[in-house]
Amino acid sequence: MGRLTNALRGASAPRDAKDAAAAIKRVHGRGASRWLAQQAGISQRQAQRRLSGQAASGRGRGPQVEDLAEPEALSAEALMSATAIDAGHVDVTYNGKSQGTRKVGLVNIDGALKGELTEVANMLMDGDDAGAEQALSDALLGAYTARTGGDRDQLKGTLNVSSFRTGFHIL
């Protein structure tokens, strides 16, 4: 797992049981309550309540919903529901050599970026961390280029984000 994947997982930690429930539902679909019931050692009806937000996940027996959500699913869910990403300053490389920093800053999610983030989310769910990192790098640098008046695909395959200097936040 690379630096970008670590930053993404850190930014997408569950803020509450609702985030975790959405991630569990994304992975397990219609079988989410059965899976949660088995993992938490609770009844399927109680699992349904926890997933719908009707019951506090910290009450009663068994682990909390937040503890059972998979990191990949949390990251994917956070990207899919994002309205903006604050990437701040990023370090970039070309052929493995440092090319300084770029101020990507706050990027609002438009239609094109939403599609690219969906690809990143799907790669994360498939376990393709390297592909997800490359796709996230391309998406962020594409948004940066478009904001500065360039072609969104101009930097694809040339510059790569190697780290987030000032943090990475999903809004």
N, C-alpha and C. Protein backbone atom coordinates (compact mmCIF):
# COMPACT_ATOMS: atom_id res chain seq x y z
N MET A 1 0.84 -1.17 0.00
CA MET A 1 0.00 0.00 0.00
C MET A 1 0.89 1.24 0.00
N GLY A 2 0.61 2.17 -0.91
CA GLY A 2 1.44 3.35 -1.05
C GLY A 2 0.96 4.53 -0.23
N ARG A 3 1.67 5.63 -0.36
CA ARG A 3 1.36 6.85 0.38
C ARG A 3 -0.04 7.39 0.06
N LEU A 4 -0.42 7.35 -1.21
CA LEU A 4 -1.73 7.88 -1.58
C LEU A 4 -2.85 7.05 -0.99
N THR A 5 -2.68 5.72 -1.01
CA THR A 5 -3.70 4.85 -0.44
C THR A 5 -3.80 5.08 1.06
N ASN A 6 -2.68 5.26 1.74
CA ASN A 6 -2.71 5.56 3.17
C ASN A 6 -3.43 6.86 3.45
N ALA A 7 -3.15 7.88 2.64
CA ALA A 7 -3.81 9.18 2.82
C ALA A 7 -5.30 9.06 2.57
N LEU A 8 -5.68 8.29 1.57
CA LEU A 8 -7.09 8.09 1.25
C LEU A 8 -7.80 7.37 2.37
N ARG A 9 -7.18 6.34 2.90
CA ARG A 9 -7.80 5.59 4.02
C ARG A 9 -7.91 6.46 5.26
N GLY A 10 -6.90 7.29 5.51
CA GLY A 10 -6.96 8.19 6.65
C GLY A 10 -8.07 9.21 6.52
N ALA A 11 -8.28 9.70 5.30
CA ALA A 11 -9.31 10.72 5.07
C ALA A 11 -10.71 10.13 5.06
N SER A 12 -10.81 8.83 4.90
CA SER A 12 -12.14 8.22 4.78
C SER A 12 -12.50 7.34 5.97
N ALA A 13 -11.81 7.52 7.09
CA ALA A 13 -12.19 6.78 8.29
C ALA A 13 -13.63 7.14 8.63
N PRO A 14 -14.39 6.20 9.16
CA PRO A 14 -15.81 6.48 9.40
C PRO A 14 -15.99 7.61 10.41
N ARG A 15 -16.79 8.59 10.01
CA ARG A 15 -17.09 9.69 10.91
C ARG A 15 -18.14 9.27 11.92
N ASP A 16 -18.99 8.33 11.53
CA ASP A 16 -20.04 7.84 12.40
C ASP A 16 -20.54 6.49 11.87
N ALA A 17 -21.53 5.94 12.57
CA ALA A 17 -22.06 4.64 12.18
C ALA A 17 -22.72 4.69 10.81
N LYS A 18 -23.24 5.85 10.42
CA LYS A 18 -23.90 5.99 9.11
C LYS A 18 -22.91 5.73 7.98
N ASP A 19 -21.69 6.28 8.10
CA ASP A 19 -20.66 6.04 7.08
C ASP A 19 -20.30 4.56 7.00
N ALA A 20 -20.12 3.96 8.17
CA ALA A 20 -19.75 2.55 8.21
C ALA A 20 -20.87 1.68 7.64
N ALA A 21 -22.12 2.01 7.98
CA ALA A 21 -23.26 1.24 7.47
C ALA A 21 -23.33 1.33 5.95
N ALA A 22 -23.11 2.51 5.40
CA ALA A 22 -23.14 2.68 3.95
C ALA A 22 -22.05 1.85 3.28
N ALA A 23 -20.86 1.80 3.90
CA ALA A 23 -19.77 1.02 3.35
C ALA A 23 -20.08 -0.48 3.40
N ILE A 24 -20.66 -0.93 4.49
CA ILE A 24 -21.04 -2.35 4.63
C ILE A 24 -22.10 -2.71 3.59
N LYS A 25 -23.07 -1.83 3.40
CA LYS A 25 -24.13 -2.09 2.41
C LYS A 25 -23.54 -2.12 1.00
N ARG A 26 -22.54 -1.28 0.75
CA ARG A 26 -21.92 -1.25 -0.58
C ARG A 26 -21.24 -2.59 -0.88
N VAL A 27 -20.59 -3.16 0.11
CA VAL A 27 -19.87 -4.41 -0.09
C VAL A 27 -20.81 -5.61 -0.13
N HIS A 28 -21.76 -5.66 0.80
CA HIS A 28 -22.57 -6.86 0.97
C HIS A 28 -23.97 -6.77 0.38
N GLY A 29 -24.35 -5.60 -0.10
CA GLY A 29 -25.65 -5.45 -0.75
C GLY A 29 -26.80 -5.91 0.11
N ARG A 30 -27.68 -6.72 -0.49
CA ARG A 30 -28.88 -7.19 0.22
C ARG A 30 -28.55 -8.13 1.38
N GLY A 31 -27.37 -8.68 1.39
CA GLY A 31 -26.97 -9.58 2.47
C GLY A 31 -26.26 -8.87 3.61
N ALA A 32 -26.29 -7.54 3.64
CA ALA A 32 -25.55 -6.78 4.64
C ALA A 32 -26.01 -7.07 6.07
N SER A 33 -27.31 -7.14 6.29
CA SER A 33 -27.78 -7.37 7.66
C SER A 33 -27.43 -8.78 8.14
N ARG A 34 -27.50 -9.75 7.25
CA ARG A 34 -27.12 -11.12 7.62
C ARG A 34 -25.63 -11.17 7.96
N TRP A 35 -24.80 -10.52 7.13
CA TRP A 35 -23.36 -10.48 7.37
C TRP A 35 -23.06 -9.79 8.70
N LEU A 36 -23.69 -8.63 8.94
CA LEU A 36 -23.46 -7.90 10.18
C LEU A 36 -23.89 -8.72 11.38
N ALA A 37 -25.03 -9.40 11.27
CA ALA A 37 -25.51 -10.23 12.38
C ALA A 37 -24.50 -11.33 12.72
N GLN A 38 -23.96 -11.97 11.70
CA GLN A 38 -22.98 -13.03 11.92
C GLN A 38 -21.69 -12.48 12.53
N GLN A 39 -21.21 -11.35 12.01
CA GLN A 39 -19.96 -10.78 12.49
C GLN A 39 -20.06 -10.23 13.91
N ALA A 40 -21.20 -9.61 14.21
CA ALA A 40 -21.37 -8.95 15.50
C ALA A 40 -22.00 -9.85 16.56
N GLY A 41 -22.50 -11.01 16.15
CA GLY A 41 -23.12 -11.92 17.11
C GLY A 41 -24.45 -11.37 17.63
N ILE A 42 -25.22 -10.75 16.75
CA ILE A 42 -26.52 -10.18 17.13
C ILE A 42 -27.58 -10.76 16.21
N SER A 43 -28.84 -10.48 16.52
CA SER A 43 -29.92 -10.97 15.67
C SER A 43 -29.93 -10.20 14.35
N GLN A 44 -30.52 -10.81 13.33
CA GLN A 44 -30.57 -10.15 12.04
C GLN A 44 -31.44 -8.89 12.13
N ARG A 45 -32.48 -8.91 12.94
CA ARG A 45 -33.33 -7.72 13.10
C ARG A 45 -32.53 -6.58 13.75
N GLN A 46 -31.72 -6.91 14.74
CA GLN A 46 -30.88 -5.88 15.38
C GLN A 46 -29.86 -5.34 14.37
N ALA A 47 -29.33 -6.21 13.54
CA ALA A 47 -28.40 -5.76 12.50
C ALA A 47 -29.09 -4.81 11.53
N GLN A 48 -30.33 -5.13 11.16
CA GLN A 48 -31.09 -4.24 10.28
C GLN A 48 -31.28 -2.87 10.93
N ARG A 49 -31.57 -2.87 12.22
CA ARG A 49 -31.74 -1.60 12.95
C ARG A 49 -30.44 -0.80 12.95
N ARG A 50 -29.32 -1.48 13.19
CA ARG A 50 -28.04 -0.79 13.21
C ARG A 50 -27.70 -0.21 11.84
N LEU A 51 -27.96 -0.96 10.80
CA LEU A 51 -27.65 -0.49 9.45
C LEU A 51 -28.55 0.67 9.03
N SER A 52 -29.77 0.71 9.55
CA SER A 52 -30.68 1.79 9.18
C SER A 52 -30.54 3.00 10.08
N GLY A 53 -29.73 2.87 11.14
CA GLY A 53 -29.54 4.00 12.05
C GLY A 53 -30.60 4.09 13.13
N GLN A 54 -31.48 3.10 13.23
CA GLN A 54 -32.53 3.12 14.25
C GLN A 54 -32.02 2.76 15.63
N ALA A 55 -30.93 2.00 15.69
CA ALA A 55 -30.38 1.60 16.98
C ALA A 55 -28.94 2.10 17.06
N ALA A 56 -28.58 2.57 18.22
CA ALA A 56 -27.19 3.03 18.41
C ALA A 56 -26.28 1.83 18.30
N SER A 57 -25.25 1.93 17.48
CA SER A 57 -24.38 0.78 17.24
C SER A 57 -23.51 0.46 18.44
N GLY A 58 -23.30 1.39 19.33
CA GLY A 58 -22.44 1.14 20.48
C GLY A 58 -23.17 0.49 21.64
N ARG A 59 -24.48 0.38 21.55
CA ARG A 59 -25.25 -0.19 22.64
C ARG A 59 -25.47 -1.68 22.40
N GLY A 60 -25.67 -2.39 23.46
CA GLY A 60 -25.91 -3.81 23.33
C GLY A 60 -24.61 -4.56 23.18
N ARG A 61 -24.74 -5.79 22.72
CA ARG A 61 -23.55 -6.62 22.63
C ARG A 61 -22.96 -6.59 21.23
N GLY A 62 -21.76 -7.10 21.15
CA GLY A 62 -21.09 -7.19 19.86
C GLY A 62 -20.32 -5.94 19.52
N PRO A 63 -19.44 -6.05 18.52
CA PRO A 63 -18.64 -4.89 18.10
C PRO A 63 -19.50 -3.83 17.43
N GLN A 64 -18.99 -2.62 17.40
CA GLN A 64 -19.71 -1.52 16.75
C GLN A 64 -19.62 -1.65 15.23
N VAL A 65 -20.60 -1.08 14.57
CA VAL A 65 -20.63 -1.11 13.11
C VAL A 65 -19.35 -0.50 12.55
N GLU A 66 -18.87 0.58 13.17
CA GLU A 66 -17.67 1.27 12.69
C GLU A 66 -16.45 0.35 12.67
N ASP A 67 -16.41 -0.60 13.60
CA ASP A 67 -15.26 -1.50 13.69
C ASP A 67 -15.30 -2.61 12.63
N LEU A 68 -16.46 -2.85 12.05
CA LEU A 68 -16.60 -3.96 11.11
C LEU A 68 -16.50 -3.55 9.65
N ALA A 69 -16.60 -2.27 9.35
CA ALA A 69 -16.53 -1.82 7.96
C ALA A 69 -15.11 -1.97 7.43
N GLU A 70 -14.98 -2.49 6.24
CA GLU A 70 -13.67 -2.71 5.62
C GLU A 70 -13.09 -1.38 5.15
N PRO A 71 -11.77 -1.16 5.33
CA PRO A 71 -11.16 0.11 4.92
C PRO A 71 -11.36 0.44 3.44
N GLU A 72 -11.29 -0.58 2.57
CA GLU A 72 -11.50 -0.34 1.14
C GLU A 72 -12.90 0.17 0.87
N ALA A 73 -13.88 -0.42 1.56
CA ALA A 73 -15.28 -0.01 1.38
C ALA A 73 -15.50 1.40 1.91
N LEU A 74 -14.87 1.72 3.04
CA LEU A 74 -14.99 3.07 3.58
C LEU A 74 -14.41 4.10 2.62
N SER A 75 -13.25 3.79 2.05
CA SER A 75 -12.62 4.70 1.09
C SER A 75 -13.49 4.86 -0.15
N ALA A 76 -13.99 3.75 -0.66
CA ALA A 76 -14.84 3.80 -1.85
C ALA A 76 -16.11 4.60 -1.59
N GLU A 77 -16.74 4.36 -0.45
CA GLU A 77 -17.97 5.07 -0.10
C GLU A 77 -17.71 6.57 0.06
N ALA A 78 -16.59 6.92 0.69
CA ALA A 78 -16.26 8.33 0.87
C ALA A 78 -16.05 9.02 -0.48
N LEU A 79 -15.37 8.36 -1.40
CA LEU A 79 -15.15 8.94 -2.73
C LEU A 79 -16.45 9.08 -3.51
N MET A 80 -17.32 8.08 -3.39
CA MET A 80 -18.57 8.09 -4.13
C MET A 80 -19.53 9.18 -3.63
N SER A 81 -19.44 9.52 -2.35
CA SER A 81 -20.35 10.52 -1.80
C SER A 81 -19.71 11.89 -1.63
N ALA A 82 -18.48 12.04 -2.09
CA ALA A 82 -17.76 13.31 -1.93
C ALA A 82 -18.39 14.42 -2.77
N THR A 83 -18.38 15.63 -2.22
CA THR A 83 -18.80 16.81 -2.96
C THR A 83 -17.59 17.66 -3.33
N ALA A 84 -16.49 17.46 -2.59
CA ALA A 84 -15.25 18.18 -2.86
C ALA A 84 -14.09 17.42 -2.23
N ILE A 85 -12.89 17.69 -2.72
CA ILE A 85 -11.67 17.11 -2.15
C ILE A 85 -10.69 18.25 -1.94
N ASP A 86 -10.10 18.30 -0.77
CA ASP A 86 -9.05 19.28 -0.49
C ASP A 86 -7.73 18.54 -0.48
N ALA A 87 -6.98 18.69 -1.57
CA ALA A 87 -5.69 17.99 -1.70
C ALA A 87 -4.52 18.87 -1.28
N GLY A 88 -4.76 20.16 -1.06
CA GLY A 88 -3.70 21.06 -0.63
C GLY A 88 -2.54 21.08 -1.62
N HIS A 89 -1.34 21.09 -1.08
CA HIS A 89 -0.12 21.03 -1.90
C HIS A 89 0.29 19.57 -2.06
N VAL A 90 0.63 19.18 -3.28
CA VAL A 90 1.05 17.80 -3.54
C VAL A 90 2.46 17.80 -4.11
N ASP A 91 3.21 16.78 -3.74
CA ASP A 91 4.52 16.55 -4.36
C ASP A 91 4.27 15.74 -5.62
N VAL A 92 4.94 16.12 -6.71
CA VAL A 92 4.76 15.40 -7.97
C VAL A 92 6.09 14.87 -8.48
N THR A 93 6.00 13.78 -9.24
CA THR A 93 7.18 13.16 -9.83
C THR A 93 6.94 12.93 -11.32
N TYR A 94 8.04 12.81 -12.05
CA TYR A 94 8.02 12.43 -13.45
C TYR A 94 9.09 11.37 -13.61
N ASN A 95 8.72 10.17 -14.04
CA ASN A 95 9.65 9.04 -14.15
C ASN A 95 10.41 8.82 -12.85
N GLY A 96 9.73 8.97 -11.74
CA GLY A 96 10.35 8.71 -10.43
C GLY A 96 11.20 9.85 -9.89
N LYS A 97 11.36 10.93 -10.64
CA LYS A 97 12.18 12.05 -10.18
C LYS A 97 11.27 13.20 -9.75
N SER A 98 11.62 13.81 -8.63
CA SER A 98 10.82 14.90 -8.09
C SER A 98 10.71 16.06 -9.07
N GLN A 99 9.51 16.57 -9.18
CA GLN A 99 9.25 17.74 -10.03
C GLN A 99 8.63 18.87 -9.21
N GLY A 100 8.91 18.86 -7.90
CA GLY A 100 8.43 19.94 -7.03
C GLY A 100 7.02 19.71 -6.52
N THR A 101 6.35 20.81 -6.22
CA THR A 101 5.00 20.72 -5.69
C THR A 101 4.04 21.49 -6.58
N ARG A 102 2.77 21.14 -6.47
CA ARG A 102 1.68 21.85 -7.14
C ARG A 102 0.61 22.11 -6.09
N LYS A 103 -0.03 23.25 -6.17
CA LYS A 103 -1.13 23.55 -5.26
C LYS A 103 -2.44 23.15 -5.93
N VAL A 104 -2.89 21.94 -5.62
CA VAL A 104 -4.15 21.46 -6.16
C VAL A 104 -5.29 22.14 -5.40
N GLY A 105 -5.18 22.22 -4.09
CA GLY A 105 -6.17 22.91 -3.27
C GLY A 105 -7.52 22.22 -3.24
N LEU A 106 -8.57 23.02 -3.08
CA LEU A 106 -9.93 22.51 -3.00
C LEU A 106 -10.47 22.28 -4.40
N VAL A 107 -10.94 21.06 -4.65
CA VAL A 107 -11.47 20.68 -5.95
C VAL A 107 -12.92 20.26 -5.77
N ASN A 108 -13.84 20.99 -6.41
CA ASN A 108 -15.25 20.60 -6.38
C ASN A 108 -15.46 19.45 -7.35
N ILE A 109 -16.31 18.51 -6.98
CA ILE A 109 -16.55 17.32 -7.79
C ILE A 109 -17.55 17.66 -8.90
N ASP A 110 -17.09 17.64 -10.15
CA ASP A 110 -17.97 17.83 -11.29
C ASP A 110 -18.26 16.46 -11.92
N GLY A 111 -18.97 16.44 -13.01
CA GLY A 111 -19.34 15.18 -13.65
C GLY A 111 -18.15 14.34 -14.08
N ALA A 112 -17.15 14.98 -14.69
CA ALA A 112 -15.98 14.23 -15.15
C ALA A 112 -15.19 13.67 -13.98
N LEU A 113 -15.00 14.48 -12.95
CA LEU A 113 -14.24 14.02 -11.79
C LEU A 113 -15.01 12.93 -11.05
N LYS A 114 -16.32 13.04 -10.99
CA LYS A 114 -17.15 12.01 -10.34
C LYS A 114 -16.93 10.66 -11.02
N GLY A 115 -16.88 10.66 -12.34
CA GLY A 115 -16.63 9.42 -13.08
C GLY A 115 -15.25 8.84 -12.78
N GLU A 116 -14.26 9.71 -12.70
CA GLU A 116 -12.90 9.25 -12.40
C GLU A 116 -12.82 8.71 -10.97
N LEU A 117 -13.49 9.36 -10.03
CA LEU A 117 -13.48 8.88 -8.64
C LEU A 117 -14.23 7.56 -8.49
N THR A 118 -15.24 7.36 -9.33
CA THR A 118 -15.95 6.08 -9.34
C THR A 118 -15.00 4.96 -9.77
N GLU A 119 -14.15 5.25 -10.77
CA GLU A 119 -13.15 4.27 -11.19
C GLU A 119 -12.17 3.96 -10.07
N VAL A 120 -11.74 5.00 -9.35
CA VAL A 120 -10.83 4.81 -8.22
C VAL A 120 -11.50 3.92 -7.17
N ALA A 121 -12.76 4.21 -6.86
CA ALA A 121 -13.50 3.43 -5.87
C ALA A 121 -13.61 1.97 -6.29
N ASN A 122 -13.91 1.73 -7.56
CA ASN A 122 -14.02 0.35 -8.05
C ASN A 122 -12.68 -0.38 -7.96
N MET A 123 -11.59 0.31 -8.26
CA MET A 123 -10.26 -0.31 -8.16
C MET A 123 -9.94 -0.65 -6.71
N LEU A 124 -10.30 0.24 -5.79
CA LEU A 124 -10.07 -0.05 -4.37
C LEU A 124 -10.84 -1.29 -3.93
N MET A 125 -12.09 -1.39 -4.37
CA MET A 125 -12.92 -2.54 -4.00
C MET A 125 -12.39 -3.84 -4.61
N ASP A 126 -11.72 -3.73 -5.77
CA ASP A 126 -11.14 -4.91 -6.42
C ASP A 126 -9.76 -5.26 -5.88
N GLY A 127 -9.24 -4.44 -4.95
CA GLY A 127 -7.93 -4.70 -4.36
C GLY A 127 -6.77 -4.19 -5.20
N ASP A 128 -7.04 -3.37 -6.20
CA ASP A 128 -6.00 -2.83 -7.07
C ASP A 128 -5.53 -1.48 -6.54
N ASP A 129 -4.73 -1.51 -5.47
CA ASP A 129 -4.26 -0.27 -4.84
C ASP A 129 -3.38 0.55 -5.78
N ALA A 130 -2.51 -0.11 -6.54
CA ALA A 130 -1.62 0.62 -7.46
C ALA A 130 -2.43 1.33 -8.54
N GLY A 131 -3.40 0.65 -9.10
CA GLY A 131 -4.26 1.26 -10.11
C GLY A 131 -5.08 2.40 -9.54
N ALA A 132 -5.57 2.22 -8.31
CA ALA A 132 -6.35 3.27 -7.65
C ALA A 132 -5.50 4.50 -7.40
N GLU A 133 -4.25 4.29 -6.98
CA GLU A 133 -3.35 5.42 -6.74
C GLU A 133 -3.08 6.18 -8.03
N GLN A 134 -2.82 5.47 -9.11
CA GLN A 134 -2.57 6.13 -10.40
C GLN A 134 -3.81 6.88 -10.87
N ALA A 135 -4.97 6.25 -10.75
CA ALA A 135 -6.21 6.89 -11.18
C ALA A 135 -6.54 8.11 -10.33
N LEU A 136 -6.28 8.03 -9.02
CA LEU A 136 -6.52 9.19 -8.14
C LEU A 136 -5.56 10.32 -8.50
N SER A 137 -4.31 9.98 -8.74
CA SER A 137 -3.32 10.98 -9.15
C SER A 137 -3.75 11.66 -10.45
N ASP A 138 -4.15 10.87 -11.44
CA ASP A 138 -4.60 11.42 -12.73
C ASP A 138 -5.83 12.30 -12.55
N ALA A 139 -6.76 11.86 -11.71
CA ALA A 139 -7.99 12.63 -11.49
C ALA A 139 -7.70 13.98 -10.85
N LEU A 140 -6.86 13.97 -9.81
CA LEU A 140 -6.55 15.23 -9.12
C LEU A 140 -5.75 16.18 -10.00
N LEU A 141 -4.75 15.66 -10.70
CA LEU A 141 -3.96 16.52 -11.58
C LEU A 141 -4.77 16.99 -12.78
N GLY A 142 -5.72 16.16 -13.23
CA GLY A 142 -6.62 16.58 -14.30
C GLY A 142 -7.52 17.72 -13.86
N ALA A 143 -8.04 17.63 -12.65
CA ALA A 143 -8.88 18.71 -12.11
C ALA A 143 -8.06 19.98 -11.92
N TYR A 144 -6.83 19.82 -11.46
CA TYR A 144 -5.92 20.96 -11.29
C TYR A 144 -5.65 21.64 -12.63
N THR A 145 -5.36 20.85 -13.66
CA THR A 145 -5.07 21.38 -14.99
C THR A 145 -6.30 22.08 -15.58
N ALA A 146 -7.47 21.46 -15.41
CA ALA A 146 -8.70 22.06 -15.94
C ALA A 146 -8.99 23.40 -15.26
N ARG A 147 -8.73 23.47 -13.97
CA ARG A 147 -8.97 24.71 -13.23
C ARG A 147 -8.04 25.83 -13.69
N THR A 148 -6.84 25.48 -14.13
CA THR A 148 -5.89 26.49 -14.58
C THR A 148 -6.00 26.77 -16.08
N GLY A 149 -7.05 26.22 -16.71
CA GLY A 149 -7.32 26.53 -18.12
C GLY A 149 -6.77 25.54 -19.12
N GLY A 150 -6.20 24.46 -18.66
CA GLY A 150 -5.64 23.46 -19.57
C GLY A 150 -6.60 22.32 -19.86
N ASP A 151 -6.12 21.40 -20.67
CA ASP A 151 -6.89 20.20 -21.01
C ASP A 151 -6.79 19.21 -19.85
N ARG A 152 -7.93 18.68 -19.43
CA ARG A 152 -8.01 17.77 -18.29
C ARG A 152 -7.06 16.57 -18.43
N ASP A 153 -6.85 16.09 -19.64
CA ASP A 153 -6.02 14.90 -19.86
C ASP A 153 -4.56 15.23 -20.14
N GLN A 154 -4.20 16.47 -20.07
CA GLN A 154 -2.85 16.92 -20.43
C GLN A 154 -1.74 16.25 -19.61
N LEU A 155 -1.95 16.06 -18.32
CA LEU A 155 -0.89 15.51 -17.46
C LEU A 155 -1.00 14.01 -17.22
N LYS A 156 -2.04 13.37 -17.78
CA LYS A 156 -2.20 11.93 -17.57
C LYS A 156 -1.00 11.18 -18.08
N GLY A 157 -0.45 10.34 -17.23
CA GLY A 157 0.68 9.51 -17.63
C GLY A 157 2.02 10.23 -17.61
N THR A 158 2.03 11.51 -17.27
CA THR A 158 3.31 12.23 -17.19
C THR A 158 3.65 12.48 -15.73
N LEU A 159 2.99 13.45 -15.12
CA LEU A 159 3.23 13.72 -13.70
C LEU A 159 2.39 12.80 -12.84
N ASN A 160 2.93 12.45 -11.68
CA ASN A 160 2.21 11.63 -10.71
C ASN A 160 2.29 12.29 -9.35
N VAL A 161 1.19 12.25 -8.61
CA VAL A 161 1.20 12.73 -7.23
C VAL A 161 1.94 11.68 -6.41
N SER A 162 2.97 12.09 -5.69
CA SER A 162 3.71 11.13 -4.86
C SER A 162 3.34 11.23 -3.39
N SER A 163 2.88 12.42 -2.97
CA SER A 163 2.42 12.57 -1.58
C SER A 163 1.62 13.85 -1.44
N PHE A 164 0.84 13.89 -0.38
CA PHE A 164 0.05 15.08 -0.06
C PHE A 164 0.80 15.83 1.03
N ARG A 165 1.40 16.93 0.65
CA ARG A 165 2.25 17.68 1.57
C ARG A 165 1.44 18.30 2.72
N THR A 166 0.27 18.83 2.41
CA THR A 166 -0.52 19.53 3.43
C THR A 166 -1.81 18.81 3.79
N GLY A 167 -1.85 17.52 3.53
CA GLY A 167 -3.02 16.73 3.92
C GLY A 167 -3.97 16.45 2.76
N PHE A 168 -4.88 15.56 3.01
CA PHE A 168 -5.87 15.13 2.02
C PHE A 168 -7.18 14.95 2.76
N HIS A 169 -8.21 15.68 2.32
CA HIS A 169 -9.50 15.64 3.01
C HIS A 169 -10.63 15.46 2.02
N ILE A 170 -11.51 14.53 2.32
CA ILE A 170 -12.69 14.30 1.50
C ILE A 170 -13.86 15.02 2.15
N LEU A 171 -14.51 15.89 1.40
CA LEU A 171 -15.63 16.67 1.94
C LEU A 171 -16.94 16.20 1.35
